[in-house]
């Protein structure tokens, strides 16, 4: 009878070793969570988090002005089209960002419960999205108005501009994603 139980002992031993190995791997794969209230390391310099600006606004403005000047030169606008150009370029300017919340506003926000904060943030997001939609619609209409003032050849040049993020025209790019 002892011979019948020997294979069972070795199977049990193998199962036990397998379970222990699995538990050991699972334990090492768990993320380390700092205790509540422990100081958290600051993000690495150059990381992009909410509230940080990714680009220098002055550099972005200069880059946009250069692109507009290049487009204007390629379009070869007539003096009669200058007014339409001015209206179009004015409409493409990004709106100024809202002011940062004051210390008093931040303190009020901190007093809210989590569900109240979520509702407040949702309302603020809806307001920002609405304002953005209005600004984009104005920009779209100004682009259509400017486009209508162009000659057929100028329309071809304007149409050759590629739409980039946020609908801004970027000119033709010759890179790995360009199919021309």
Protein backbone atom coordinates (compact mmCIF):
# COMPACT_ATOMS: atom_id res chain seq x y z
CA UNK A 1 0.00 0.00 0.00
CA UNK A 2 2.86 2.34 0.60
CA UNK A 3 3.79 2.14 -3.05
CA UNK A 4 0.41 3.64 -4.05
CA UNK A 5 0.99 6.82 -1.95
CA UNK A 6 4.58 7.53 -3.05
CA UNK A 7 3.59 8.97 -6.44
CA UNK A 8 0.96 11.07 -4.67
CA UNK A 9 3.60 12.56 -2.36
CA UNK A 10 5.75 13.64 -5.29
CA UNK A 11 2.74 15.19 -7.09
CA UNK A 12 1.83 17.10 -3.92
CA UNK A 13 5.41 18.26 -3.57
CA UNK A 14 5.45 19.51 -7.17
CA UNK A 15 2.13 21.32 -6.68
CA UNK A 16 3.39 22.92 -3.50
CA UNK A 17 6.60 24.08 -5.21
CA UNK A 18 4.58 25.47 -8.15
CA UNK A 19 2.20 27.39 -5.88
CA UNK A 20 5.08 28.83 -3.85
CA UNK A 21 6.94 29.88 -7.00
CA UNK A 22 3.81 31.55 -8.38
CA UNK A 23 3.23 33.41 -5.13
CA UNK A 24 6.85 34.55 -5.07
CA UNK A 25 6.59 35.92 -8.62
CA UNK A 26 3.29 37.61 -7.86
CA UNK A 27 4.75 39.27 -4.78
CA UNK A 28 7.69 40.69 -6.70
CA UNK A 29 5.40 42.01 -9.46
CA UNK A 30 3.29 44.13 -7.09
CA UNK A 31 3.85 47.91 -7.33
CA UNK A 32 5.25 49.58 -4.26
CA UNK A 33 2.73 52.05 -2.86
CA UNK A 34 4.10 54.64 -0.45
CA UNK A 35 2.27 54.91 2.85
CA UNK A 36 -0.42 57.59 3.11
CA UNK A 37 1.13 60.92 3.97
CA UNK A 38 4.63 59.88 2.85
CA UNK A 39 6.42 62.44 0.68
CA UNK A 40 6.29 61.64 -3.01
CA UNK A 41 9.30 62.28 -5.26
CA UNK A 42 8.92 65.23 -7.60
CA UNK A 43 8.47 64.44 -11.31
CA UNK A 44 11.58 64.56 -13.44
CA UNK A 45 12.50 67.94 -14.91
CA UNK A 46 11.07 68.34 -18.38
CA UNK A 47 8.04 66.13 -17.79
CA UNK A 48 4.72 67.47 -18.97
CA UNK A 49 1.95 67.55 -16.41
CA UNK A 50 -1.30 69.43 -16.31
CA UNK A 51 -0.71 73.10 -15.81
CA UNK A 52 2.80 73.11 -17.26
CA UNK A 53 3.37 74.76 -20.59
CA UNK A 54 4.98 72.54 -23.16
CA UNK A 55 6.27 75.36 -25.34
CA UNK A 56 7.45 78.89 -24.87
CA UNK A 57 4.53 81.11 -26.00
CA UNK A 58 6.92 83.65 -27.55
CA UNK A 59 8.60 80.93 -29.62
CA UNK A 60 5.23 79.56 -30.68
CA UNK A 61 4.10 83.04 -31.74
CA UNK A 62 7.31 83.59 -33.73
CA UNK A 63 6.94 80.20 -35.41
CA UNK A 64 3.33 80.94 -36.34
CA UNK A 65 4.28 84.38 -37.73
CA UNK A 66 7.00 82.78 -39.87
CA UNK A 67 4.56 80.19 -41.25
CA UNK A 68 2.03 82.92 -42.03
CA UNK A 69 4.67 85.02 -43.79
CA UNK A 70 5.75 82.01 -45.86
CA UNK A 71 2.14 81.29 -46.85
CA UNK A 72 1.49 84.92 -47.70
CA UNK A 73 4.57 85.02 -49.92
CA UNK A 74 3.53 81.85 -51.76
CA UNK A 75 -0.03 83.12 -52.23
CA UNK A 76 1.21 86.36 -53.86
CA UNK A 77 -1.73 88.34 -52.51
CA UNK A 78 -2.96 91.43 -54.28
CA UNK A 79 -3.51 94.71 -52.40
CA UNK A 80 -7.27 94.08 -52.68
CA UNK A 81 -6.84 90.78 -50.77
CA UNK A 82 -4.85 92.30 -47.87
CA UNK A 83 -7.97 93.02 -45.79
CA UNK A 84 -9.15 89.42 -46.11
CA UNK A 85 -5.63 88.23 -45.16
CA UNK A 86 -5.57 90.45 -42.07
CA UNK A 87 -8.98 89.17 -40.93
CA UNK A 88 -7.91 85.58 -41.54
CA UNK A 89 -4.61 85.85 -39.63
CA UNK A 90 -6.31 87.67 -36.75
CA UNK A 91 -8.78 84.80 -36.45
CA UNK A 92 -5.99 82.22 -36.24
CA UNK A 93 -4.48 83.76 -33.12
CA UNK A 94 -4.91 81.53 -30.09
CA UNK A 95 -7.09 82.99 -27.37
CA UNK A 96 -5.35 83.99 -24.17
CA UNK A 97 -5.43 81.40 -21.42
CA UNK A 98 -7.61 82.07 -18.44
CA UNK A 99 -6.07 83.37 -15.27
CA UNK A 100 -4.82 80.84 -12.75
CA UNK A 101 -7.10 80.34 -9.77
CA UNK A 102 -6.40 82.61 -6.82
CA UNK A 103 -5.34 81.29 -3.42
CA UNK A 104 -8.87 81.96 -2.21
CA UNK A 105 -10.39 79.93 -5.07
CA UNK A 106 -7.96 77.06 -4.43
CA UNK A 107 -8.83 77.11 -0.73
CA UNK A 108 -12.55 76.95 -1.56
CA UNK A 109 -11.90 74.04 -3.91
CA UNK A 110 -10.01 72.18 -1.16
CA UNK A 111 -13.05 72.44 1.12
CA UNK A 112 -15.24 70.54 -1.36
CA UNK A 113 -15.89 66.84 -1.09
CA UNK A 114 -14.60 64.62 -3.89
CA UNK A 115 -18.00 64.37 -5.64
CA UNK A 116 -18.40 68.17 -5.38
CA UNK A 117 -14.91 68.64 -6.87
CA UNK A 118 -15.77 66.29 -9.72
CA UNK A 119 -18.96 68.24 -10.45
CA UNK A 120 -17.09 71.56 -10.28
CA UNK A 121 -14.35 70.31 -12.62
CA UNK A 122 -16.96 68.90 -15.00
CA UNK A 123 -18.72 72.29 -15.13
CA UNK A 124 -15.42 74.13 -15.74
CA UNK A 125 -14.46 71.65 -18.47
CA UNK A 126 -17.85 72.09 -20.19
CA UNK A 127 -17.40 75.88 -20.09
CA UNK A 128 -13.88 75.64 -21.59
CA UNK A 129 -15.06 73.27 -24.31
CA UNK A 130 -17.91 75.60 -25.20
CA UNK A 131 -15.55 78.58 -25.43
CA UNK A 132 -13.14 76.53 -27.56
CA UNK A 133 -15.92 75.47 -29.92
CA UNK A 134 -17.01 79.08 -30.41
CA UNK A 135 -13.41 80.14 -31.14
CA UNK A 136 -12.91 77.28 -33.61
CA UNK A 137 -16.16 78.09 -35.39
CA UNK A 138 -15.07 81.73 -35.80
CA UNK A 139 -11.70 80.59 -37.14
CA UNK A 140 -13.40 78.20 -39.59
CA UNK A 141 -15.70 80.93 -40.91
CA UNK A 142 -12.79 83.37 -41.28
CA UNK A 143 -10.87 80.73 -43.24
CA UNK A 144 -13.83 80.18 -45.57
CA UNK A 145 -14.22 83.93 -46.08
CA UNK A 146 -10.51 84.32 -46.87
CA UNK A 147 -10.59 81.30 -49.19
CA UNK A 148 -13.49 82.83 -51.14
CA UNK A 149 -11.33 85.92 -51.80
CA UNK A 150 -8.54 83.86 -53.43
CA UNK A 151 -8.02 83.20 -57.14
CA UNK A 152 -8.09 79.63 -58.47
CA UNK A 153 -4.25 79.43 -58.43
CA UNK A 154 -4.10 80.81 -54.90
CA UNK A 155 -6.71 78.27 -53.78
CA UNK A 156 -4.46 75.48 -55.08
CA UNK A 157 -1.56 76.84 -53.01
CA UNK A 158 -3.77 77.20 -49.95
CA UNK A 159 -5.21 73.71 -50.46
CA UNK A 160 -1.69 72.26 -50.57
CA UNK A 161 -1.25 73.31 -46.94
CA UNK A 162 -1.58 70.36 -44.60
CA UNK A 163 -3.88 70.62 -41.61
CA UNK A 164 -2.02 69.98 -38.38
CA UNK A 165 -3.16 69.65 -34.80
CA UNK A 166 -6.05 71.96 -33.92
CA UNK A 167 -6.68 72.58 -37.63
CA UNK A 168 -3.72 74.87 -38.21
CA UNK A 169 -2.29 74.88 -41.72
CA UNK A 170 1.32 73.69 -41.75
CA UNK A 171 2.55 73.63 -45.30
CA UNK A 172 3.73 70.52 -47.10
CA UNK A 173 6.09 68.34 -45.14
CA UNK A 174 8.49 65.93 -46.72
CA UNK A 175 8.95 63.21 -44.18
CA UNK A 176 8.15 59.58 -43.54
CA UNK A 177 4.41 60.24 -43.30
CA UNK A 178 4.17 62.37 -46.43
CA UNK A 179 2.79 60.46 -49.40
CA UNK A 180 3.62 63.11 -52.02
